[in-house]
C-alpha atoms as a PDB file:
ATOM      1  CA  UNK A   1     -40.666 -11.659  10.395  1.00  0.00           C
ATOM      2  CA  UNK A   2     -41.941 -14.334  13.003  1.00  0.00           C
ATOM      3  CA  UNK A   3     -38.165 -15.513  14.145  1.00  0.00           C
ATOM      4  CA  UNK A   4     -37.579 -11.930  14.762  1.00  0.00           C
ATOM      5  CA  UNK A   5     -39.763 -11.119  16.518  1.00  0.00           C
ATOM      6  CA  UNK A   6     -39.377 -14.345  18.823  1.00  0.00           C
ATOM      7  CA  UNK A   7     -36.050 -13.247  19.157  1.00  0.00           C
ATOM      8  CA  UNK A   8     -36.901  -9.723  20.552  1.00  0.00           C
ATOM      9  CA  UNK A   9     -39.443 -11.448  22.627  1.00  0.00           C
ATOM     10  CA  UNK A  10     -36.218 -13.394  24.862  1.00  0.00           C
ATOM     11  CA  UNK A  11     -34.405 -10.483  24.587  1.00  0.00           C
ATOM     12  CA  UNK A  12     -37.194  -8.465  26.571  1.00  0.00           C
ATOM     13  CA  UNK A  13     -36.234 -10.945  29.413  1.00  0.00           C
ATOM     14  CA  UNK A  14     -32.966  -9.537  30.421  1.00  0.00           C
ATOM     15  CA  UNK A  15     -32.534  -6.533  28.755  1.00  0.00           C
ATOM     16  CA  UNK A  16     -34.136  -3.347  29.856  1.00  0.00           C
ATOM     17  CA  UNK A  17     -36.396  -1.817  27.358  1.00  0.00           C
ATOM     18  CA  UNK A  18     -34.519   1.026  27.162  1.00  0.00           C
ATOM     19  CA  UNK A  19     -31.589  -0.551  25.671  1.00  0.00           C
ATOM     20  CA  UNK A  20     -33.800  -2.628  22.803  1.00  0.00           C
ATOM     21  CA  UNK A  21     -34.439  -0.220  19.851  1.00  0.00           C
ATOM     22  CA  UNK A  22     -36.840  -0.855  17.277  1.00  0.00           C
ATOM     23  CA  UNK A  23     -37.050   0.417  14.018  1.00  0.00           C
ATOM     24  CA  UNK A  24     -33.734   2.761  14.841  1.00  0.00           C
ATOM     25  CA  UNK A  25     -32.652   5.482  12.125  1.00  0.00           C
ATOM     26  CA  UNK A  26     -29.060   3.954  11.970  1.00  0.00           C
ATOM     27  CA  UNK A  27     -28.172   7.963  10.734  1.00  0.00           C
ATOM     28  CA  UNK A  28     -28.132   8.645  14.656  1.00  0.00           C
ATOM     29  CA  UNK A  29     -25.801   5.904  15.708  1.00  0.00           C
ATOM     30  CA  UNK A  30     -22.994   6.645  13.074  1.00  0.00           C
ATOM     31  CA  UNK A  31     -20.329   9.594  12.656  1.00  0.00           C
ATOM     32  CA  UNK A  32     -21.606   9.943   9.174  1.00  0.00           C
ATOM     33  CA  UNK A  33     -25.132  10.500   9.848  1.00  0.00           C
ATOM     34  CA  UNK A  34     -26.583   8.372   7.121  1.00  0.00           C
ATOM     35  CA  UNK A  35     -28.056   5.588   7.370  1.00  0.00           C
ATOM     36  CA  UNK A  36     -31.766   3.518   6.899  1.00  0.00           C
ATOM     37  CA  UNK A  37     -33.467   1.814  10.011  1.00  0.00           C
ATOM     38  CA  UNK A  38     -31.951  -0.933  11.947  1.00  0.00           C
ATOM     39  CA  UNK A  39     -35.077  -3.559  12.554  1.00  0.00           C
ATOM     40  CA  UNK A  40     -33.616  -3.816  16.178  1.00  0.00           C
ATOM     41  CA  UNK A  41     -30.961  -2.472  17.720  1.00  0.00           C
ATOM     42  CA  UNK A  42     -29.463  -3.862  20.778  1.00  0.00           C
ATOM     43  CA  UNK A  43     -27.192  -2.231  23.687  1.00  0.00           C
ATOM     44  CA  UNK A  44     -25.622  -4.931  25.492  1.00  0.00           C
ATOM     45  CA  UNK A  45     -23.987  -3.816  28.574  1.00  0.00           C
ATOM     46  CA  UNK A  46     -21.850  -6.531  29.492  1.00  0.00           C
ATOM     47  CA  UNK A  47     -19.565  -9.526  27.594  1.00  0.00           C
ATOM     48  CA  UNK A  48     -22.238 -12.010  29.068  1.00  0.00           C
ATOM     49  CA  UNK A  49     -25.250  -9.755  27.633  1.00  0.00           C
ATOM     50  CA  UNK A  50     -23.214 -10.556  24.048  1.00  0.00           C
ATOM     51  CA  UNK A  51     -22.906 -13.748  24.823  1.00  0.00           C
ATOM     52  CA  UNK A  52     -26.567 -14.348  25.735  1.00  0.00           C
ATOM     53  CA  UNK A  53     -27.670 -12.140  22.298  1.00  0.00           C
ATOM     54  CA  UNK A  54     -25.724 -14.236  20.498  1.00  0.00           C
ATOM     55  CA  UNK A  55     -27.051 -17.814  21.288  1.00  0.00           C
ATOM     56  CA  UNK A  56     -30.321 -16.167  20.347  1.00  0.00           C
ATOM     57  CA  UNK A  57     -29.605 -14.776  17.332  1.00  0.00           C
ATOM     58  CA  UNK A  58     -27.965 -18.332  16.529  1.00  0.00           C
ATOM     59  CA  UNK A  59     -31.602 -19.832  18.015  1.00  0.00           C
ATOM     60  CA  UNK A  60     -33.985 -17.941  15.884  1.00  0.00           C
ATOM     61  CA  UNK A  61     -30.981 -17.951  13.060  1.00  0.00           C
ATOM     62  CA  UNK A  62     -31.789 -13.949  12.516  1.00  0.00           C
ATOM     63  CA  UNK A  63     -29.013 -11.560  10.587  1.00  0.00           C
ATOM     64  CA  UNK A  64     -27.315 -10.002  12.926  1.00  0.00           C
ATOM     65  CA  UNK A  65     -24.752  -7.399  12.227  1.00  0.00           C
ATOM     66  CA  UNK A  66     -22.578  -5.842  15.273  1.00  0.00           C
ATOM     67  CA  UNK A  67     -21.165  -1.755  15.218  1.00  0.00           C
ATOM     68  CA  UNK A  68     -19.042   0.204  17.483  1.00  0.00           C
ATOM     69  CA  UNK A  69     -19.081   3.839  18.223  1.00  0.00           C
ATOM     70  CA  UNK A  70     -20.401   4.055  14.165  1.00  0.00           C
ATOM     71  CA  UNK A  71     -17.313   5.708  12.727  1.00  0.00           C
ATOM     72  CA  UNK A  72     -15.886   4.200   9.794  1.00  0.00           C
ATOM     73  CA  UNK A  73     -19.436   3.106   8.003  1.00  0.00           C
ATOM     74  CA  UNK A  74     -21.767   3.937   5.701  1.00  0.00           C
ATOM     75  CA  UNK A  75     -24.896   2.120   6.545  1.00  0.00           C
ATOM     76  CA  UNK A  76     -26.712   1.916   3.026  1.00  0.00           C
ATOM     77  CA  UNK A  77     -30.477   3.773   2.500  1.00  0.00           C
ATOM     78  CA  UNK A  78     -32.985   0.646   3.154  1.00  0.00           C
ATOM     79  CA  UNK A  79     -31.063   0.440   6.822  1.00  0.00           C
ATOM     80  CA  UNK A  80     -30.278  -3.444   8.264  1.00  0.00           C
ATOM     81  CA  UNK A  81     -32.418  -5.905   8.765  1.00  0.00           C
ATOM     82  CA  UNK A  82     -32.510  -8.283  11.351  1.00  0.00           C
ATOM     83  CA  UNK A  83     -30.418  -7.358  14.896  1.00  0.00           C
ATOM     84  CA  UNK A  84     -27.823  -4.634  15.215  1.00  0.00           C
ATOM     85  CA  UNK A  85     -25.288  -4.661  17.954  1.00  0.00           C
ATOM     86  CA  UNK A  86     -23.897  -1.749  18.887  1.00  0.00           C
ATOM     87  CA  UNK A  87     -20.717  -2.063  21.483  1.00  0.00           C
ATOM     88  CA  UNK A  88     -20.972   1.479  22.768  1.00  0.00           C
ATOM     89  CA  UNK A  89     -21.490   3.600  26.021  1.00  0.00           C
ATOM     90  CA  UNK A  90     -22.347   0.449  27.591  1.00  0.00           C
ATOM     91  CA  UNK A  91     -19.227  -1.378  27.667  1.00  0.00           C
ATOM     92  CA  UNK A  92     -16.977   1.365  27.954  1.00  0.00           C
ATOM     93  CA  UNK A  93     -15.509   0.540  30.941  1.00  0.00           C
ATOM     94  CA  UNK A  94     -11.532   1.799  31.347  1.00  0.00           C
ATOM     95  CA  UNK A  95      -9.041   0.195  34.471  1.00  0.00           C
ATOM     96  CA  UNK A  96      -5.555   0.091  35.079  1.00  0.00           C
ATOM     97  CA  UNK A  97      -3.239  -2.184  36.927  1.00  0.00           C
ATOM     98  CA  UNK A  98       0.420  -1.963  36.248  1.00  0.00           C
ATOM     99  CA  UNK A  99       1.631  -0.924  33.525  1.00  0.00           C
ATOM    100  CA  UNK A 100      -1.552  -2.659  31.906  1.00  0.00           C
ATOM    101  CA  UNK A 101      -4.327  -0.870  30.562  1.00  0.00           C
ATOM    102  CA  UNK A 102      -7.861  -3.071  30.199  1.00  0.00           C
ATOM    103  CA  UNK A 103     -10.578  -1.799  28.166  1.00  0.00           C
ATOM    104  CA  UNK A 104     -14.272  -2.440  27.309  1.00  0.00           C
ATOM    105  CA  UNK A 105     -14.775  -2.273  23.746  1.00  0.00           C
ATOM    106  CA  UNK A 106     -17.026   0.576  23.442  1.00  0.00           C
ATOM    107  CA  UNK A 107     -14.480   2.901  24.922  1.00  0.00           C
ATOM    108  CA  UNK A 108     -13.232   5.755  22.875  1.00  0.00           C
ATOM    109  CA  UNK A 109     -10.219   5.820  21.695  1.00  0.00           C
ATOM    110  CA  UNK A 110      -9.911   9.919  22.843  1.00  0.00           C
ATOM    111  CA  UNK A 111     -11.478   8.529  26.369  1.00  0.00           C
ATOM    112  CA  UNK A 112      -8.514   5.620  26.358  1.00  0.00           C
ATOM    113  CA  UNK A 113      -5.849   7.951  25.590  1.00  0.00           C
ATOM    114  CA  UNK A 114      -6.385  10.483  28.240  1.00  0.00           C
ATOM    115  CA  UNK A 115      -7.169   8.137  30.634  1.00  0.00           C
ATOM    116  CA  UNK A 116      -3.649   6.349  29.929  1.00  0.00           C
ATOM    117  CA  UNK A 117      -2.400   9.858  30.476  1.00  0.00           C
ATOM    118  CA  UNK A 118      -3.919  10.065  33.788  1.00  0.00           C
ATOM    119  CA  UNK A 119      -2.462   7.193  34.793  1.00  0.00           C
ATOM    120  CA  UNK A 120       1.132   7.998  33.788  1.00  0.00           C
ATOM    121  CA  UNK A 121       1.248   5.537  30.992  1.00  0.00           C
ATOM    122  CA  UNK A 122       2.754   5.798  27.379  1.00  0.00           C
ATOM    123  CA  UNK A 123       1.923   4.385  24.428  1.00  0.00           C
ATOM    124  CA  UNK A 124      -1.337   5.256  23.530  1.00  0.00           C
ATOM    125  CA  UNK A 125      -1.341   8.911  22.276  1.00  0.00           C
ATOM    126  CA  UNK A 126      -0.504   8.437  18.590  1.00  0.00           C
ATOM    127  CA  UNK A 127      -4.932   7.434  19.347  1.00  0.00           C
ATOM    128  CA  UNK A 128      -5.934  10.585  20.712  1.00  0.00           C
ATOM    129  CA  UNK A 129      -7.749  11.667  17.643  1.00  0.00           C
ATOM    130  CA  UNK A 130      -8.815   8.918  16.046  1.00  0.00           C
ATOM    131  CA  UNK A 131     -13.048   9.088  15.807  1.00  0.00           C
ATOM    132  CA  UNK A 132     -13.654   5.673  16.986  1.00  0.00           C
ATOM    133  CA  UNK A 133     -14.044   2.991  19.754  1.00  0.00           C
ATOM    134  CA  UNK A 134     -11.366   0.345  21.163  1.00  0.00           C
ATOM    135  CA  UNK A 135     -13.283  -2.726  19.255  1.00  0.00           C
ATOM    136  CA  UNK A 136     -12.989  -0.385  15.529  1.00  0.00           C
ATOM    137  CA  UNK A 137      -9.450   0.080  16.623  1.00  0.00           C
ATOM    138  CA  UNK A 138      -9.006  -3.990  16.838  1.00  0.00           C
ATOM    139  CA  UNK A 139     -10.734  -4.547  14.497  1.00  0.00           C
ATOM    140  CA  UNK A 140      -9.445  -2.217  11.697  1.00  0.00           C
ATOM    141  CA  UNK A 141      -6.138  -2.485  13.571  1.00  0.00           C
ATOM    142  CA  UNK A 142      -5.836   1.485  13.662  1.00  0.00           C
ATOM    143  CA  UNK A 143      -3.390   3.707  13.343  1.00  0.00           C
ATOM    144  CA  UNK A 144      -2.139   7.650  13.021  1.00  0.00           C
ATOM    145  CA  UNK A 145       1.323   9.703  13.069  1.00  0.00           C
ATOM    146  CA  UNK A 146       3.347   6.290  12.970  1.00  0.00           C
ATOM    147  CA  UNK A 147       1.636   4.446  15.757  1.00  0.00           C
ATOM    148  CA  UNK A 148      -0.916   1.005  15.420  1.00  0.00           C
ATOM    149  CA  UNK A 149      -3.059  -0.794  17.212  1.00  0.00           C
ATOM    150  CA  UNK A 150      -1.111  -3.753  17.214  1.00  0.00           C
ATOM    151  CA  UNK A 151       2.124  -2.720  18.766  1.00  0.00           C
ATOM    152  CA  UNK A 152       0.487  -2.156  22.197  1.00  0.00           C
ATOM    153  CA  UNK A 153      -2.907  -4.895  22.506  1.00  0.00           C
ATOM    154  CA  UNK A 154      -1.226  -8.056  24.381  1.00  0.00           C
ATOM    155  CA  UNK A 155      -5.158  -9.911  25.027  1.00  0.00           C
ATOM    156  CA  UNK A 156      -8.749 -10.054  23.758  1.00  0.00           C
ATOM    157  CA  UNK A 157     -11.531 -11.394  25.106  1.00  0.00           C
ATOM    158  CA  UNK A 158     -14.097 -12.149  22.290  1.00  0.00           C
ATOM    159  CA  UNK A 159     -17.665 -13.466  21.989  1.00  0.00           C
ATOM    160  CA  UNK A 160     -18.025 -16.067  18.751  1.00  0.00           C
ATOM    161  CA  UNK A 161     -20.474 -16.717  16.528  1.00  0.00           C
ATOM    162  CA  UNK A 162     -22.046 -19.314  18.900  1.00  0.00           C
ATOM    163  CA  UNK A 163     -21.905 -17.152  21.803  1.00  0.00           C
ATOM    164  CA  UNK A 164     -19.283 -18.600  23.872  1.00  0.00           C
ATOM    165  CA  UNK A 165     -16.268 -16.371  25.176  1.00  0.00           C
ATOM    166  CA  UNK A 166     -12.478 -16.635  23.475  1.00  0.00           C
ATOM    167  CA  UNK A 167      -9.053 -15.117  24.384  1.00  0.00           C
ATOM    168  CA  UNK A 168      -6.981 -13.995  21.947  1.00  0.00           C
ATOM    169  CA  UNK A 169      -3.231 -13.465  22.842  1.00  0.00           C
ATOM    170  CA  UNK A 170      -1.430 -11.279  20.536  1.00  0.00           C
ATOM    171  CA  UNK A 171       0.215 -13.556  18.487  1.00  0.00           C
ATOM    172  CA  UNK A 172      -3.458 -15.164  16.857  1.00  0.00           C
ATOM    173  CA  UNK A 173      -4.738 -11.414  16.249  1.00  0.00           C
ATOM    174  CA  UNK A 174      -3.120 -11.652  12.310  1.00  0.00           C
ATOM    175  CA  UNK A 175      -3.228  -7.934  12.791  1.00  0.00           C
ATOM    176  CA  UNK A 176      -1.467  -6.161   9.426  1.00  0.00           C
ATOM    177  CA  UNK A 177      -2.325  -2.656   7.681  1.00  0.00           C
ATOM    178  CA  UNK A 178      -6.053  -2.079   8.362  1.00  0.00           C
ATOM    179  CA  UNK A 179      -6.455  -5.926   9.294  1.00  0.00           C
ATOM    180  CA  UNK A 180      -7.191  -8.194  12.111  1.00  0.00           C
ATOM    181  CA  UNK A 181      -8.690 -11.661  12.330  1.00  0.00           C
ATOM    182  CA  UNK A 182     -11.805 -10.631  13.231  1.00  0.00           C
ATOM    183  CA  UNK A 183     -11.970  -8.985   9.832  1.00  0.00           C
ATOM    184  CA  UNK A 184     -12.204 -13.242   8.950  1.00  0.00           C
ATOM    185  CA  UNK A 185     -13.878 -15.017  12.048  1.00  0.00           C
ATOM    186  CA  UNK A 186     -16.356 -12.534  13.138  1.00  0.00           C
ATOM    187  CA  UNK A 187     -15.988 -13.131  16.397  1.00  0.00           C
ATOM    188  CA  UNK A 188     -17.261 -10.090  18.498  1.00  0.00           C
ATOM    189  CA  UNK A 189     -14.200  -7.840  20.598  1.00  0.00           C
ATOM    190  CA  UNK A 190     -15.436  -6.916  23.663  1.00  0.00           C
ATOM    191  CA  UNK A 191     -12.193  -6.831  26.495  1.00  0.00           C
ATOM    192  CA  UNK A 192      -9.092  -5.612  25.164  1.00  0.00           C
ATOM    193  CA  UNK A 193      -5.965  -5.677  27.411  1.00  0.00           C
ATOM    194  CA  UNK A 194      -3.126  -3.083  26.374  1.00  0.00           C
ATOM    195  CA  UNK A 195       0.699  -3.364  27.801  1.00  0.00           C
ATOM    196  CA  UNK A 196       1.982   0.258  27.820  1.00  0.00           C
ATOM    197  CA  UNK A 197       4.792   1.644  29.649  1.00  0.00           C
ATOM    198  CA  UNK A 198       5.740   4.363  32.676  1.00  0.00           C
ATOM    199  CA  UNK A 199       5.918   7.788  31.146  1.00  0.00           C
ATOM    200  CA  UNK A 200       6.047  11.420  32.768  1.00  0.00           C
ATOM    201  CA  UNK A 201       2.853  12.947  32.462  1.00  0.00           C
ATOM    202  CA  UNK A 202       3.707  16.392  31.014  1.00  0.00           C
ATOM    203  CA  UNK A 203       5.621  14.584  28.135  1.00  0.00           C
ATOM    204  CA  UNK A 204       2.610  12.827  27.428  1.00  0.00           C
ATOM    205  CA  UNK A 205       0.075  15.359  27.455  1.00  0.00           C
ATOM    206  CA  UNK A 206       2.204  17.993  25.370  1.00  0.00           C
ATOM    207  CA  UNK A 207       2.582  15.123  22.720  1.00  0.00           C
ATOM    208  CA  UNK A 208      -1.318  14.074  22.707  1.00  0.00           C
ATOM    209  CA  UNK A 209      -1.750  17.732  22.460  1.00  0.00           C
ATOM    210  CA  UNK A 210       0.176  18.645  19.289  1.00  0.00           C
ATOM    211  CA  UNK A 211      -1.164  15.690  17.706  1.00  0.00           C
ATOM    212  CA  UNK A 212      -4.888  16.759  18.825  1.00  0.00           C
ATOM    213  CA  UNK A 213      -3.521  20.548  17.043  1.00  0.00           C
ATOM    214  CA  UNK A 214      -2.239  18.179  13.441  1.00  0.00           C
ATOM    215  CA  UNK A 215      -5.806  16.643  13.643  1.00  0.00           C
ATOM    216  CA  UNK A 216      -7.895  19.881  13.919  1.00  0.00           C
ATOM    217  CA  UNK A 217      -5.667  21.763  11.504  1.00  0.00           C
ATOM    218  CA  UNK A 218      -5.756  19.476   8.241  1.00  0.00           C
ATOM    219  CA  UNK A 219      -9.595  16.992   8.830  1.00  0.00           C
ATOM    220  CA  UNK A 220     -12.611  18.262   8.129  1.00  0.00           C
ATOM    221  CA  UNK A 221     -13.908  17.864  11.934  1.00  0.00           C
ATOM    222  CA  UNK A 222     -16.939  20.348  11.406  1.00  0.00           C
ATOM    223  CA  UNK A 223     -18.789  18.045   8.826  1.00  0.00           C
ATOM    224  CA  UNK A 224     -20.556  14.473   9.568  1.00  0.00           C
ATOM    225  CA  UNK A 225     -17.916  12.091   8.055  1.00  0.00           C
ATOM    226  CA  UNK A 226     -16.253   8.540   8.714  1.00  0.00           C
ATOM    227  CA  UNK A 227     -13.254   9.316   9.126  1.00  0.00           C
ATOM    228  CA  UNK A 228     -10.709   8.093   5.745  1.00  0.00           C
ATOM    229  CA  UNK A 229     -12.173   7.458   2.999  1.00  0.00           C
ATOM    230  CA  UNK A 230      -9.918   5.592   1.561  1.00  0.00           C
ATOM    231  CA  UNK A 231      -7.130   3.193   1.889  1.00  0.00           C
ATOM    232  CA  UNK A 232      -3.801   4.252   1.574  1.00  0.00           C
ATOM    233  CA  UNK A 233      -2.733   3.052  -2.033  1.00  0.00           C
ATOM    234  CA  UNK A 234       0.870   1.507  -1.729  1.00  0.00           C
ATOM    235  CA  UNK A 235       3.134   4.233  -2.214  1.00  0.00           C
ATOM    236  CA  UNK A 236       0.740   7.236  -2.447  1.00  0.00           C
ATOM    237  CA  UNK A 237      -1.436   9.001   0.006  1.00  0.00           C
ATOM    238  CA  UNK A 238      -5.692   9.017  -1.315  1.00  0.00           C
ATOM    239  CA  UNK A 239      -5.974  12.960  -0.519  1.00  0.00           C
ATOM    240  CA  UNK A 240      -2.708  13.804  -2.152  1.00  0.00           C
ATOM    241  CA  UNK A 241      -4.152  11.840  -5.417  1.00  0.00           C
ATOM    242  CA  UNK A 242      -7.813  12.832  -5.271  1.00  0.00           C
ATOM    243  CA  UNK A 243      -6.336  16.323  -4.549  1.00  0.00           C
ATOM    244  CA  UNK A 244      -4.044  16.397  -7.798  1.00  0.00           C
ATOM    245  CA  UNK A 245      -7.194  14.892  -9.735  1.00  0.00           C
ATOM    246  CA  UNK A 246      -8.440  18.273  -8.858  1.00  0.00           C
ATOM    247  CA  UNK A 247     -11.606  17.175  -7.030  1.00  0.00           C
ATOM    248  CA  UNK A 248     -11.336  18.853  -3.835  1.00  0.00           C
ATOM    249  CA  UNK A 249     -15.173  20.148  -3.095  1.00  0.00           C
ATOM    250  CA  UNK A 250     -16.620  18.078  -5.513  1.00  0.00           C
ATOM    251  CA  UNK A 251     -19.764  16.976  -4.405  1.00  0.00           C
ATOM    252  CA  UNK A 252     -22.791  14.260  -5.785  1.00  0.00           C
ATOM    253  CA  UNK A 253     -25.852  15.416  -4.204  1.00  0.00           C
ATOM    254  CA  UNK A 254     -24.873  16.215  -0.483  1.00  0.00           C
ATOM    255  CA  UNK A 255     -21.799  14.264  -0.006  1.00  0.00           C
ATOM    256  CA  UNK A 256     -18.479  16.174  -0.908  1.00  0.00           C
ATOM    257  CA  UNK A 257     -15.357  15.667  -0.974  1.00  0.00           C
ATOM    258  CA  UNK A 258     -13.618  17.843   1.755  1.00  0.00           C
ATOM    259  CA  UNK A 259     -12.320  21.774   0.866  1.00  0.00           C
ATOM    260  CA  UNK A 260     -10.034  21.061   3.692  1.00  0.00           C
ATOM    261  CA  UNK A 261      -8.434  17.191   3.468  1.00  0.00           C
ATOM    262  CA  UNK A 262      -9.406  15.327   0.008  1.00  0.00           C
ATOM    263  CA  UNK A 263      -9.211  12.083   1.792  1.00  0.00           C
ATOM    264  CA  UNK A 264     -12.215  12.809   3.346  1.00  0.00           C
ATOM    265  CA  UNK A 265     -15.713  12.410   2.098  1.00  0.00           C
ATOM    266  CA  UNK A 266     -18.222  14.352   4.197  1.00  0.00           C
ATOM    267  CA  UNK A 267     -21.940  14.506   4.862  1.00  0.00           C
ATOM    268  CA  UNK A 268     -23.273  18.508   4.293  1.00  0.00           C
ATOM    269  CA  UNK A 269     -26.328  18.249   5.955  1.00  0.00           C
ATOM    270  CA  UNK A 270     -28.781  15.970   3.941  1.00  0.00           C
ATOM    271  CA  UNK A 271     -26.287  13.268   1.968  1.00  0.00           C
ATOM    272  CA  UNK A 272     -27.553   9.849   1.578  1.00  0.00           C
ATOM    273  CA  UNK A 273     -25.549   6.243   1.171  1.00  0.00           C
ATOM    274  CA  UNK A 274     -26.242   6.439  -2.976  1.00  0.00           C
ATOM    275  CA  UNK A 275     -24.805  10.164  -2.932  1.00  0.00           C
ATOM    276  CA  UNK A 276     -21.795   8.727  -1.297  1.00  0.00           C
ATOM    277  CA  UNK A 277     -21.288   5.605  -3.347  1.00  0.00           C
ATOM    278  CA  UNK A 278     -21.802   7.537  -6.468  1.00  0.00           C
ATOM    279  CA  UNK A 279     -18.874  10.173  -5.142  1.00  0.00           C
ATOM    280  CA  UNK A 280     -16.704   7.384  -4.065  1.00  0.00           C
ATOM    281  CA  UNK A 281     -17.150   5.565  -7.493  1.00  0.00           C
ATOM    282  CA  UNK A 282     -16.661   8.992  -9.832  1.00  0.00           C
ATOM    283  CA  UNK A 283     -13.374   9.370  -7.754  1.00  0.00           C
ATOM    284  CA  UNK A 284     -12.271   6.178  -8.016  1.00  0.00           C
ATOM    285  CA  UNK A 285     -12.683   6.783 -12.332  1.00  0.00           C
ATOM    286  CA  UNK A 286     -11.394   9.864 -11.945  1.00  0.00           C
ATOM    287  CA  UNK A 287      -7.900   8.796  -9.938  1.00  0.00           C
ATOM    288  CA  UNK A 288      -6.866   6.017 -12.143  1.00  0.00           C
ATOM    289  CA  UNK A 289      -7.921   7.842 -15.490  1.00  0.00           C
ATOM    290  CA  UNK A 290      -5.086  10.508 -14.375  1.00  0.00           C
ATOM    291  CA  UNK A 291      -2.564   8.552 -11.930  1.00  0.00           C
ATOM    292  CA  UNK A 292      -3.388   5.170 -13.277  1.00  0.00           C
ATOM    293  CA  UNK A 293      -4.049   4.153  -9.387  1.00  0.00           C
ATOM    294  CA  UNK A 294      -6.866   2.433  -7.984  1.00  0.00           C
ATOM    295  CA  UNK A 295      -7.844   3.469  -4.761  1.00  0.00           C
ATOM    296  CA  UNK A 296     -10.349   0.957  -2.630  1.00  0.00           C
ATOM    297  CA  UNK A 297     -12.673   2.306   0.081  1.00  0.00           C
ATOM    298  CA  UNK A 298     -11.433   2.198   4.461  1.00  0.00           C
ATOM    299  CA  UNK A 299     -15.228   2.618   4.871  1.00  0.00           C
ATOM    300  CA  UNK A 300     -17.491  -0.389   5.668  1.00  0.00           C
ATOM    301  CA  UNK A 301     -20.482  -0.336   3.956  1.00  0.00           C
ATOM    302  CA  UNK A 302     -23.326  -2.550   5.873  1.00  0.00           C
ATOM    303  CA  UNK A 303     -27.174  -2.394   4.818  1.00  0.00           C
ATOM    304  CA  UNK A 304     -29.405  -2.637   1.483  1.00  0.00           C
ATOM    305  CA  UNK A 305     -29.569  -0.251  -1.007  1.00  0.00           C
END
């Protein structure tokens, strides 16, 4: 892969070696703890580094995949070819100006919610238990407990495929159920502006504690997963349908429908991506057979089988 080798050589001219990982096991980069190796995993620390990386990706015509915290994705067993850009802890800055919260794409939603509370800002409490990054939340229009990201985002800075910075106002983000414009244009979400409201710290903390308790009591946080496995079918709840089909605890290899919440597929310790895919297919088949409802995965599939 001479073009990839040349691209990596150029990356080394402006990124430190510890932020360029060759043959990086993606099982170490995802909340599912599943996935083969990435040819080259790159950890940018600023929007300007993302610009430079994308310019090289274009110059050398190498494959490029973007991930955030690694939740809501299943990396397939043969891994990912080309460059993988992980927008993680290196791009997780948070700061407030009045009622504005500015967040790096790699900041965790839970950290952003707690940071907002410390600055007496309300509006992000619903996100305290969502296991992902701000960038991933924008990409998927994440939501929980009646709240959605789309209700508080006012602007996003992204890098397009040509390596140029683009600014989006909220009206241009095309938010829908688990959808944003970034699923179509593949631009890389880097910096986010939220508009929140002044609140009372004790009320904010009480609400976050309540939502955290609900999540911990109902969701299988003790085992690796990618979060909710299926999108909510109109008029139903995926977990309820799966439970009513008698599939709680159902296993394929190391992949299991959680005993605690049937909407989650968990990794019991040695699951492969193939195990998960076979489990998902069987759940879809049986639920459709029993209820006449089609389930569609919310989890994104990345890489090669």
